[in-house]
Protein backbone atom coordinates (compact mmCIF):
# COMPACT_ATOMS: atom_id res chain seq x y z
CA MET A 1 20.10 92.03 179.65
CA ARG A 2 19.73 95.27 179.00
CA ALA A 3 20.37 97.11 176.37
CA ALA A 4 22.39 100.62 176.81
CA ALA A 5 21.42 103.85 175.95
CA ALA A 6 22.79 105.73 173.51
CA PRO A 7 24.50 109.00 175.78
CA LEU A 8 22.92 112.02 174.84
CA ARG A 9 24.45 115.33 173.43
CA ALA A 10 24.65 118.23 174.93
CA PRO A 11 23.30 121.05 172.64
CA ARG A 12 26.09 123.62 171.51
CA SER A 13 26.21 126.49 172.68
CA THR A 14 28.19 127.92 169.49
CA PRO A 15 27.46 126.59 165.74
CA ALA A 16 29.63 124.30 164.59
CA PRO A 17 32.70 125.84 162.17
CA GLU A 18 31.36 125.50 158.26
CA ARG A 19 33.71 122.85 156.84
CA PRO A 20 35.61 123.31 153.32
CA ARG A 21 33.69 121.51 150.84
CA HIS A 22 35.90 119.37 148.74
CA LEU A 23 33.90 119.85 145.76
CA ALA A 24 33.70 122.95 143.92
CA VAL A 25 31.63 124.08 140.72
CA VAL A 26 33.86 124.11 137.98
CA ASP A 27 34.33 126.53 135.81
CA PRO A 28 34.50 125.63 132.46
CA GLU A 29 36.89 128.52 130.78
CA ALA A 30 39.55 127.29 133.19
CA ARG A 31 39.34 123.97 132.22
CA LYS A 32 39.51 125.01 128.88
CA ARG A 33 42.55 126.99 129.62
CA GLU A 34 43.85 123.94 131.21
CA ARG A 35 43.12 121.38 128.29
CA ARG A 36 44.76 123.92 126.24
CA ALA A 37 47.73 123.82 128.45
CA ARG A 38 47.93 120.35 128.58
CA LEU A 39 47.90 119.94 124.52
CA GLY A 40 50.30 122.32 124.57
CA VAL A 41 52.68 121.13 126.42
CA ARG A 42 52.22 117.43 124.71
CA LEU A 43 52.75 118.98 121.32
CA ALA A 44 56.05 120.62 122.47
CA VAL A 45 57.72 117.21 123.64
CA ALA A 46 56.29 115.45 121.17
CA SER A 47 58.05 118.21 118.48
CA VAL A 48 61.03 118.22 120.63
CA VAL A 49 60.98 114.25 119.97
CA ALA A 50 60.14 114.17 116.62
CA ALA A 51 63.30 116.67 116.20
CA VAL A 52 65.71 114.95 117.78
CA LEU A 53 64.71 111.59 116.17
CA ILE A 54 64.88 113.73 112.79
CA VAL A 55 68.40 114.46 113.86
CA VAL A 56 69.43 110.97 114.69
CA GLY A 57 68.10 109.68 111.19
CA PHE A 58 70.24 112.50 109.49
CA HIS A 59 73.21 111.43 111.41
CA VAL A 60 73.04 107.85 110.42
CA MET A 61 72.29 108.39 106.90
CA MET A 62 75.67 110.27 106.70
CA ALA A 63 77.02 108.14 109.17
CA GLU A 64 77.00 105.38 106.27
CA GLY A 65 77.59 107.45 103.37
CA GLN A 66 80.47 107.95 105.11
CA LEU A 67 80.79 104.14 105.52
CA GLN A 68 80.33 104.20 101.43
CA LEU A 69 82.51 106.59 100.94
CA GLU A 70 85.54 104.71 102.68
CA ARG A 71 85.00 101.38 100.48
CA VAL A 72 85.23 103.58 97.81
CA ASP A 73 87.78 105.02 98.63
CA ARG A 74 89.44 101.92 100.08
CA ALA A 75 88.84 100.16 95.96
CA THR A 76 90.09 102.88 94.40
CA ALA A 77 93.36 102.91 96.50
CA LYS A 78 93.17 99.73 95.31
CA GLU A 79 92.77 99.42 91.71
CA GLN A 80 95.62 101.87 91.48
CA GLN A 81 97.82 99.84 92.66
CA ARG A 82 96.25 97.31 90.03
CA TYR A 83 97.10 99.84 87.64
CA GLN A 84 100.62 100.96 88.71
CA ALA A 85 101.23 97.10 88.85
CA LEU A 86 99.89 96.52 85.32
CA ARG A 87 101.43 99.83 83.83
CA LEU A 88 105.22 98.20 85.47
CA GLN A 89 104.30 94.49 83.77
CA TYR A 90 103.47 96.85 80.38
CA ALA A 91 106.69 98.65 80.36
CA ASP A 92 108.79 95.64 81.29
CA ARG A 93 107.70 93.35 78.70
CA SER A 94 107.52 96.14 76.17
CA ALA A 95 111.25 97.11 77.23
CA PRO A 96 113.63 96.71 73.75
CA GLU A 97 115.67 94.12 75.99
CA ALA A 98 112.53 91.73 77.00
CA ILE A 99 111.50 91.97 73.55
CA VAL A 100 115.02 90.65 72.25
CA LYS A 101 114.73 87.66 74.85
CA ARG A 102 111.45 86.65 74.10
CA ALA A 103 112.93 86.74 70.26
CA THR A 104 115.70 84.82 71.18
CA ARG A 105 113.48 82.01 73.30
CA LEU A 106 111.08 81.78 70.61
CA GLY A 107 114.01 80.83 67.80
CA MET A 108 114.76 83.98 66.18
CA ILE A 109 118.22 85.14 65.16
CA PRO A 110 119.04 88.73 65.10
CA ALA A 111 120.02 89.70 61.31
CA THR A 112 123.35 90.22 59.94
CA SER A 113 121.90 92.40 57.66
CA LEU A 114 119.01 95.04 56.28
CA ARG A 115 116.89 94.67 54.03
CA TYR A 116 114.03 96.84 52.98
CA ILE A 117 111.38 95.65 50.79
CA SER A 118 108.05 96.97 49.24
CA ALA A 119 104.99 96.51 48.37
CA PRO A 120 103.87 96.18 45.08
CA GLY A 121 102.21 99.10 43.86
CA VAL A 122 103.52 101.66 46.35
CA PRO A 123 106.48 103.52 45.06
CA ALA A 124 109.65 102.87 47.15
CA LYS A 125 111.15 106.26 49.12
CA GLY A 126 114.40 107.56 48.20
CA SER A 127 117.41 105.48 50.08
CA GLY A 128 119.46 108.42 51.01
CA THR A 129 121.44 107.90 53.93
CA ASP A 130 121.60 111.87 54.88
CA GLY A 131 117.80 111.70 55.87
CA THR A 132 116.34 113.69 53.80
CA ALA A 133 115.10 110.66 51.46
CA ALA A 134 111.89 110.39 53.08
CA MET A 135 110.78 113.84 53.41
CA ALA A 136 108.75 115.67 50.67
CA PRO A 137 110.94 117.18 47.92
CA SER A 138 110.26 120.77 48.79
CA LEU A 139 110.74 120.02 52.77
CA ALA A 140 114.04 118.89 51.71
CA ARG A 141 115.12 122.06 49.98
CA ASP A 142 114.12 124.20 52.64
CA TRP A 143 115.90 121.81 55.28
CA GLU A 144 118.62 122.38 53.06
CA LYS A 145 118.55 126.16 53.01
CA VAL A 146 117.77 126.28 57.12
CA LYS A 147 120.90 123.37 57.74
CA LYS A 148 123.56 125.80 57.10
CA HIS A 149 122.28 128.75 59.25
CA LEU A 150 121.86 125.92 62.16
CA VAL A 151 125.30 124.85 61.63
CA GLU A 152 126.57 127.61 62.46
CA GLN A 153 124.95 128.77 66.47
CA PRO A 154 126.58 127.12 69.35
């Protein structure tokens, strides 16, 4: 077998057009500018992300604070209701009717007459019925002077 010979090419009458080269000389200044631009974009994106995270963090802190305020508000309302209930209970128990009822339950009986006693060494106050016996003597004198003027007024 005979080997096939490669066809011969005919010479070109015009030179081949120059192909654009895919490799180019890199300008170091242009490369630095592009690197700075990429770095600026990255920093801007990182700043926006950081700002969003900070805003979210503040929002979370405010929401937690609001929840705590609501818990304190509920606890305060509950304690105010308890305080009002205790005040009512105190008022009910310290009312004269309640004291008499409790004394009766304990076996006490109403007094038939009033009797005052005095401690040794303490002078007994006057037993006047006009209400001036418990007053100081100078006050009683002044009261007598003023009393007649008060009676005349309606």
